[in-house]
Amino acid sequence: MKSREEIKAIANQVIIDEKNAVENLRNYINDAFAEAVETIFSASGRVVVTGIGKSANIAVKIVSTFNSTGTPALFLHAADAIHGDLGMVRPGDVVICISKSGNTPEIKVLVPLIKNFGNRLIAIVGNTDSFLAHEADIVLDTTVEHEACPNNLAPTSSTTAQLVMGDALAVALIECRNFTARDFARFHPGGALGKQLYLRVADLYIQNERPMVTPDTPITDTIIEMTSKRLGCAVVVEGDKVCGIITDGDLRRMMQTSHSPKIASDIMHPNPRTILDTEYAVNALQMMRNNSITQLIVTDNSGRYLGIVHIHDILREGII
């Protein structure tokens, strides 16, 4: 068994080796890469990503990234392709084939079939003098000097390079498509990430009571309103427009002074923080953080008082 120091040294060397492999990819970002992006962008069909072994695992991840960022894609295992799954490839599809050696038996069988279909073939390959590289329409070089594996056998640096090349394609396509955060949200509706991108204040405030007093409401009635609505505040309105807010803190400070206010307007804060009901909930959270407050008054475009959004509403949705 290695000592702890030796184990840490091994891990650090793996990171260095893979970092160098990734940095070397910058030498391979050339016109062929730009052509690959243009080909995928202008394709009438999908992107079919295929590979064998560890390269197949990388292909699955690249497909996932494409699909979540606006480039329709599907995974085709190279071994399954030559046993019937090749029917997944349709006219107009672009095929990306990933292989370190570019000479595996499955690749040698699959590539001519794809070429016969007339589909454009992009190779992500670690051997530019291979069968795959010679047959592909576009070659993206992911050659690595050596694997991080001490025997230079297990795919480590090579698969990292493949993955980064796939990410480079995906991000370039994001920019070409002007793919926005709102677009991203359409494909990620679940979890905290999705909620940050689609959940709006209007989805939250409607669950709450609507504490409300007028400027001339007696202090005792104001306290009763705040207590019954359980949101730690009461909004002061004239008509349906906001003119102030009273919080639990205001009441505590009132009790600590000799001042004896009689009505709500005596202790209210004028010009309180408000947020439109159409704003994203994550923006409400940011506003609360910036102003060290726990609730915001919700209004519509005309300034009409709609309700209260509380930080607990946001916590409950798991956005934080």
Protein backbone atom coordinates (compact mmCIF):
# COMPACT_ATOMS: atom_id res chain seq x y z
CA MET A 1 0.00 0.00 0.00
CA LYS A 2 1.23 3.49 -0.84
CA SER A 3 1.71 6.10 1.84
CA ARG A 4 -0.72 9.01 2.03
CA GLU A 5 1.91 11.36 0.62
CA GLU A 6 2.50 9.01 -2.31
CA ILE A 7 -1.24 8.73 -2.95
CA LYS A 8 -1.62 12.52 -2.99
CA ALA A 9 1.36 12.80 -5.35
CA ILE A 10 -0.23 10.30 -7.74
CA ALA A 11 -3.51 12.22 -7.74
CA ASN A 12 -1.74 15.53 -8.38
CA GLN A 13 0.14 14.00 -11.31
CA VAL A 14 -3.13 12.78 -12.85
CA ILE A 15 -4.52 16.31 -12.61
CA ILE A 16 -1.37 17.74 -14.20
CA ASP A 17 -1.42 15.20 -17.03
CA GLU A 18 -5.06 15.82 -17.82
CA LYS A 19 -4.63 19.59 -17.54
CA ASN A 20 -1.83 19.42 -20.09
CA ALA A 21 -3.99 17.32 -22.40
CA VAL A 22 -6.77 19.90 -22.24
CA GLU A 23 -4.42 22.84 -22.74
CA ASN A 24 -2.96 21.13 -25.82
CA LEU A 25 -6.42 21.12 -27.40
CA ARG A 26 -6.01 24.83 -28.09
CA ASN A 27 -3.59 23.84 -30.85
CA TYR A 28 -6.40 21.88 -32.54
CA ILE A 29 -9.06 24.59 -32.55
CA ASN A 30 -8.77 25.46 -36.24
CA ASP A 31 -10.87 25.91 -39.37
CA ALA A 32 -12.01 22.30 -39.12
CA PHE A 33 -13.56 23.08 -35.74
CA ALA A 34 -15.32 26.14 -37.15
CA GLU A 35 -16.57 24.05 -40.08
CA ALA A 36 -17.92 21.43 -37.66
CA VAL A 37 -19.89 24.10 -35.78
CA GLU A 38 -21.24 25.53 -39.06
CA THR A 39 -22.23 22.07 -40.25
CA ILE A 40 -24.15 21.25 -37.08
CA PHE A 41 -25.74 24.70 -36.92
CA SER A 42 -27.06 24.52 -40.48
CA ALA A 43 -28.13 20.84 -40.39
CA SER A 44 -31.80 20.13 -41.06
CA GLY A 45 -31.68 17.06 -38.80
CA ARG A 46 -30.19 16.12 -35.47
CA VAL A 47 -26.70 15.33 -34.23
CA VAL A 48 -26.09 11.61 -33.81
CA VAL A 49 -23.08 10.94 -31.56
CA THR A 50 -21.54 7.48 -31.60
CA GLY A 51 -18.58 5.64 -30.15
CA ILE A 52 -17.41 2.41 -28.56
CA GLY A 53 -16.10 1.64 -25.06
CA LYS A 54 -15.16 4.66 -22.94
CA SER A 55 -15.67 6.93 -25.95
CA ALA A 56 -19.31 5.82 -25.96
CA ASN A 57 -19.64 7.07 -22.38
CA ILE A 58 -18.26 10.44 -23.44
CA ALA A 59 -20.70 10.46 -26.36
CA VAL A 60 -23.63 10.07 -23.95
CA LYS A 61 -22.53 13.12 -21.98
CA ILE A 62 -22.02 15.23 -25.11
CA VAL A 63 -25.51 14.27 -26.32
CA SER A 64 -26.93 15.37 -22.97
CA THR A 65 -25.17 18.72 -23.20
CA PHE A 66 -26.34 19.27 -26.78
CA ASN A 67 -29.95 18.50 -25.92
CA SER A 68 -30.01 20.82 -22.92
CA THR A 69 -28.56 23.72 -24.87
CA GLY A 70 -30.71 23.78 -27.98
CA THR A 71 -29.00 21.28 -30.30
CA PRO A 72 -31.21 18.18 -30.76
CA ALA A 73 -29.03 15.08 -30.43
CA LEU A 74 -29.18 11.35 -29.78
CA PHE A 75 -26.70 8.65 -28.82
CA LEU A 76 -25.98 5.66 -31.04
CA HIS A 77 -23.73 2.92 -29.68
CA ALA A 78 -21.35 1.85 -32.43
CA ALA A 79 -21.80 -1.86 -31.66
CA ASP A 80 -25.59 -1.60 -31.66
CA ALA A 81 -25.54 0.48 -34.83
CA ILE A 82 -24.29 -2.40 -36.95
CA HIS A 83 -26.94 -4.69 -35.49
CA GLY A 84 -30.03 -2.69 -36.38
CA ASP A 85 -29.86 0.65 -34.56
CA LEU A 86 -28.41 2.38 -37.61
CA GLY A 87 -32.04 3.02 -38.52
CA MET A 88 -31.90 5.89 -36.03
CA VAL A 89 -29.84 7.91 -38.51
CA ARG A 90 -32.09 9.95 -40.79
CA PRO A 91 -31.39 12.16 -43.83
CA GLY A 92 -30.17 15.55 -42.69
CA ASP A 93 -28.56 14.22 -39.51
CA VAL A 94 -24.93 14.99 -38.76
CA VAL A 95 -22.96 12.10 -37.24
CA ILE A 96 -20.14 12.63 -34.75
CA CYS A 97 -17.96 9.57 -34.25
CA ILE A 98 -15.67 9.54 -31.20
CA SER A 99 -12.65 7.26 -31.00
CA LYS A 100 -9.15 7.45 -29.61
CA SER A 101 -7.54 5.08 -32.10
CA GLY A 102 -9.97 5.51 -34.98
CA ASN A 103 -9.28 1.91 -35.99
CA THR A 104 -11.60 -0.25 -33.87
CA PRO A 105 -13.45 -2.99 -35.78
CA GLU A 106 -16.88 -1.53 -35.03
CA ILE A 107 -15.82 1.88 -36.34
CA LYS A 108 -14.44 0.33 -39.54
CA VAL A 109 -17.79 -1.34 -40.18
CA LEU A 110 -19.94 1.64 -39.17
CA VAL A 111 -18.21 4.48 -41.01
CA PRO A 112 -18.75 3.19 -44.59
CA LEU A 113 -22.43 2.63 -43.80
CA ILE A 114 -22.83 6.22 -42.63
CA LYS A 115 -21.00 7.46 -45.70
CA ASN A 116 -23.33 5.43 -47.92
CA PHE A 117 -26.30 7.13 -46.26
CA GLY A 118 -24.90 10.47 -47.37
CA ASN A 119 -24.70 11.95 -43.85
CA ARG A 120 -21.91 14.36 -42.95
CA LEU A 121 -19.41 12.66 -40.64
CA ILE A 122 -17.39 14.52 -38.00
CA ALA A 123 -14.60 12.61 -36.28
CA ILE A 124 -13.38 13.40 -32.76
CA VAL A 125 -10.28 11.25 -32.92
CA GLY A 126 -6.94 10.85 -31.18
CA ASN A 127 -5.14 9.47 -34.23
CA THR A 128 -5.20 11.59 -37.36
CA ASP A 129 -3.60 8.80 -39.39
CA SER A 130 -6.45 6.38 -38.66
CA PHE A 131 -9.24 4.85 -40.72
CA LEU A 132 -11.80 7.15 -39.10
CA ALA A 133 -9.75 10.29 -39.71
CA HIS A 134 -9.23 9.44 -43.37
CA GLU A 135 -12.92 8.70 -43.96
CA ALA A 136 -14.47 11.59 -42.02
CA ASP A 137 -15.62 14.79 -43.68
CA ILE A 138 -14.32 16.87 -40.78
CA VAL A 139 -11.62 15.83 -38.29
CA LEU A 140 -11.35 17.27 -34.77
CA ASP A 141 -7.99 16.23 -33.37
CA THR A 142 -7.91 15.16 -29.70
CA THR A 143 -4.47 13.57 -29.69
CA VAL A 144 -2.84 13.27 -26.26
CA GLU A 145 0.81 12.59 -25.57
CA HIS A 146 0.03 9.92 -22.98
CA GLU A 147 -2.72 8.73 -20.69
CA ALA A 148 -2.68 9.63 -17.00
CA CYS A 149 -2.75 5.87 -16.39
CA PRO A 150 0.77 4.75 -15.33
CA ASN A 151 0.63 2.00 -17.95
CA ASN A 152 -0.50 4.46 -20.61
CA LEU A 153 -3.48 2.17 -21.28
CA ALA A 154 -6.67 3.14 -19.42
CA PRO A 155 -8.47 6.01 -21.22
CA THR A 156 -7.99 9.00 -18.91
CA SER A 157 -6.37 12.00 -20.57
CA SER A 158 -7.84 10.97 -23.92
CA THR A 159 -11.44 10.83 -22.68
CA THR A 160 -11.00 14.15 -20.88
CA ALA A 161 -9.83 15.68 -24.16
CA GLN A 162 -12.83 14.20 -25.99
CA LEU A 163 -15.20 15.59 -23.39
CA VAL A 164 -13.71 19.08 -23.55
CA MET A 165 -13.85 19.08 -27.35
CA GLY A 166 -17.54 18.17 -27.13
CA ASP A 167 -18.15 20.97 -24.64
CA ALA A 168 -16.35 23.40 -26.95
CA LEU A 169 -18.72 22.43 -29.77
CA ALA A 170 -21.77 22.80 -27.53
CA VAL A 171 -20.78 26.21 -26.18
CA ALA A 172 -19.89 27.52 -29.64
CA LEU A 173 -23.36 26.44 -30.80
CA ILE A 174 -24.96 28.15 -27.79
CA GLU A 175 -23.38 31.40 -28.92
CA CYS A 176 -24.31 30.85 -32.57
CA ARG A 177 -27.94 30.20 -31.62
CA ASN A 178 -28.08 33.12 -29.15
CA PHE A 179 -29.35 30.55 -26.66
CA THR A 180 -30.41 32.45 -23.52
CA ALA A 181 -31.03 31.59 -19.87
CA ARG A 182 -34.75 31.66 -20.61
CA ASP A 183 -34.24 29.10 -23.38
CA PHE A 184 -32.20 27.00 -20.97
CA ALA A 185 -35.04 27.09 -18.44
CA ARG A 186 -37.43 25.50 -20.94
CA PHE A 187 -35.27 22.37 -20.94
CA HIS A 188 -34.55 22.41 -17.18
CA PRO A 189 -37.91 22.88 -15.45
CA GLY A 190 -37.06 20.70 -12.46
CA GLY A 191 -34.91 21.31 -9.40
CA ALA A 192 -33.41 24.48 -7.96
CA LEU A 193 -31.74 25.43 -11.24
CA GLY A 194 -34.98 25.31 -13.17
CA LYS A 195 -36.84 27.26 -10.51
CA GLN A 196 -34.27 30.04 -10.61
CA LEU A 197 -34.94 30.39 -14.31
CA TYR A 198 -38.72 30.19 -14.44
CA LEU A 199 -40.34 30.66 -11.00
CA ARG A 200 -41.85 34.13 -10.71
CA VAL A 201 -43.00 36.27 -7.79
CA ALA A 202 -46.60 35.76 -8.98
CA ASP A 203 -46.22 32.05 -8.25
CA LEU A 204 -45.37 32.77 -4.61
CA TYR A 205 -47.26 35.75 -3.24
CA ILE A 206 -50.71 34.29 -4.01
CA GLN A 207 -50.12 31.68 -1.29
CA ASN A 208 -49.88 34.38 1.39
CA GLU A 209 -52.30 36.57 3.27
CA ARG A 210 -52.55 40.22 2.27
CA PRO A 211 -51.87 42.40 5.35
CA MET A 212 -53.20 45.89 4.69
CA VAL A 213 -54.07 49.03 6.63
CA THR A 214 -54.76 52.63 5.72
CA PRO A 215 -52.71 55.62 6.93
CA ASP A 216 -55.33 56.46 9.57
CA THR A 217 -55.78 52.91 10.91
CA PRO A 218 -55.33 52.95 14.71
CA ILE A 219 -52.11 51.37 15.98
CA THR A 220 -54.01 48.69 17.91
CA ASP A 221 -55.88 47.62 14.78
CA THR A 222 -52.60 47.69 12.85
CA ILE A 223 -51.03 45.30 15.36
CA ILE A 224 -54.04 42.98 15.10
CA GLU A 225 -53.77 42.99 11.29
CA MET A 226 -50.07 42.17 11.40
CA THR A 227 -50.59 39.40 13.96
CA SER A 228 -53.48 37.76 12.12
CA LYS A 229 -51.75 37.73 8.73
CA ARG A 230 -48.49 36.33 10.19
CA LEU A 231 -46.09 37.90 7.69
CA GLY A 232 -44.29 40.29 10.02
CA CYS A 233 -45.61 43.42 8.35
CA ALA A 234 -48.60 45.45 7.27
CA VAL A 235 -48.73 47.43 4.05
CA VAL A 236 -50.15 50.93 4.26
CA VAL A 237 -52.31 51.73 1.24
CA GLU A 238 -54.37 54.61 -0.04
CA GLY A 239 -56.97 53.32 -2.44
CA ASP A 240 -55.07 50.40 -3.95
CA LYS A 241 -51.65 52.12 -4.09
CA VAL A 242 -48.80 51.52 -1.64
CA CYS A 243 -47.71 54.44 0.47
CA GLY A 244 -45.77 52.73 3.27
CA ILE A 245 -45.00 49.64 5.33
CA ILE A 246 -44.91 48.79 9.03
CA THR A 247 -42.81 45.84 10.20
CA ASP A 248 -42.41 43.94 13.45
CA GLY A 249 -39.18 45.85 13.95
CA ASP A 250 -41.03 49.15 13.75
CA LEU A 251 -43.38 48.00 16.50
CA ARG A 252 -40.49 46.92 18.74
CA ARG A 253 -38.73 50.23 18.24
CA MET A 254 -41.99 52.05 19.01
CA MET A 255 -42.22 50.25 22.34
CA GLN A 256 -38.70 51.34 23.25
CA THR A 257 -39.45 55.05 22.87
CA SER A 258 -41.61 57.51 24.77
CA HIS A 259 -43.38 58.41 21.54
CA SER A 260 -47.04 57.36 21.52
CA PRO A 261 -48.17 57.00 17.90
CA LYS A 262 -51.89 56.79 17.35
CA ILE A 263 -52.27 55.75 13.71
CA ALA A 264 -50.35 53.75 11.11
CA SER A 265 -48.94 56.76 9.29
CA ASP A 266 -47.14 57.81 12.49
CA ILE A 267 -44.69 54.89 12.31
CA MET A 268 -44.82 53.67 8.72
CA HIS A 269 -41.80 53.71 6.41
CA PRO A 270 -42.68 55.66 3.25
CA ASN A 271 -41.45 54.44 -0.16
CA PRO A 272 -40.95 50.78 0.83
CA ARG A 273 -39.21 48.19 -1.34
CA THR A 274 -41.53 46.72 -3.96
CA ILE A 275 -41.23 44.18 -6.73
CA LEU A 276 -43.37 43.47 -9.77
CA ASP A 277 -45.36 40.24 -9.81
CA THR A 278 -43.76 39.36 -13.17
CA GLU A 279 -40.20 39.37 -11.79
CA TYR A 280 -38.31 36.12 -11.24
CA ALA A 281 -38.31 34.83 -7.68
CA VAL A 282 -34.51 34.69 -7.68
CA ASN A 283 -34.47 38.47 -8.30
CA ALA A 284 -36.71 38.94 -5.26
CA LEU A 285 -34.21 36.94 -3.21
CA GLN A 286 -31.35 39.09 -4.43
CA MET A 287 -33.25 42.27 -3.56
CA MET A 288 -33.94 40.98 -0.06
CA ARG A 289 -30.28 40.13 0.43
CA ASN A 290 -29.09 43.49 -0.85
CA ASN A 291 -31.41 45.39 1.48
CA SER A 292 -31.22 43.03 4.50
CA ILE A 293 -35.00 42.52 4.57
CA THR A 294 -37.19 39.43 4.68
CA GLN A 295 -40.24 40.52 2.67
CA LEU A 296 -41.14 42.56 -0.39
CA ILE A 297 -44.37 44.23 -1.39
CA VAL A 298 -45.67 42.86 -4.68
CA THR A 299 -47.29 45.26 -7.14
CA ASP A 300 -48.41 45.20 -10.75
CA ASN A 301 -47.29 47.60 -13.48
CA SER A 302 -49.77 50.24 -12.33
CA GLY A 303 -48.43 50.18 -8.75
CA ARG A 304 -51.50 48.36 -7.38
CA TYR A 305 -50.83 46.42 -4.19
CA LEU A 306 -51.10 42.66 -4.79
CA GLY A 307 -49.54 40.99 -1.77
CA ILE A 308 -46.34 40.02 0.04
CA VAL A 309 -43.52 37.69 -0.96
CA HIS A 310 -41.51 36.46 2.03
CA ILE A 311 -38.05 34.94 2.10
CA HIS A 312 -39.62 31.80 3.58
CA ASP A 313 -41.56 31.37 0.33
CA ILE A 314 -38.28 31.26 -1.56
CA LEU A 315 -36.66 28.94 0.96
CA ARG A 316 -39.61 26.59 0.69
CA GLU A 317 -39.11 26.32 -3.09
CA GLY A 318 -35.47 25.33 -2.60
CA ILE A 319 -34.02 28.15 -4.71
CA ILE A 320 -31.35 28.99 -2.15
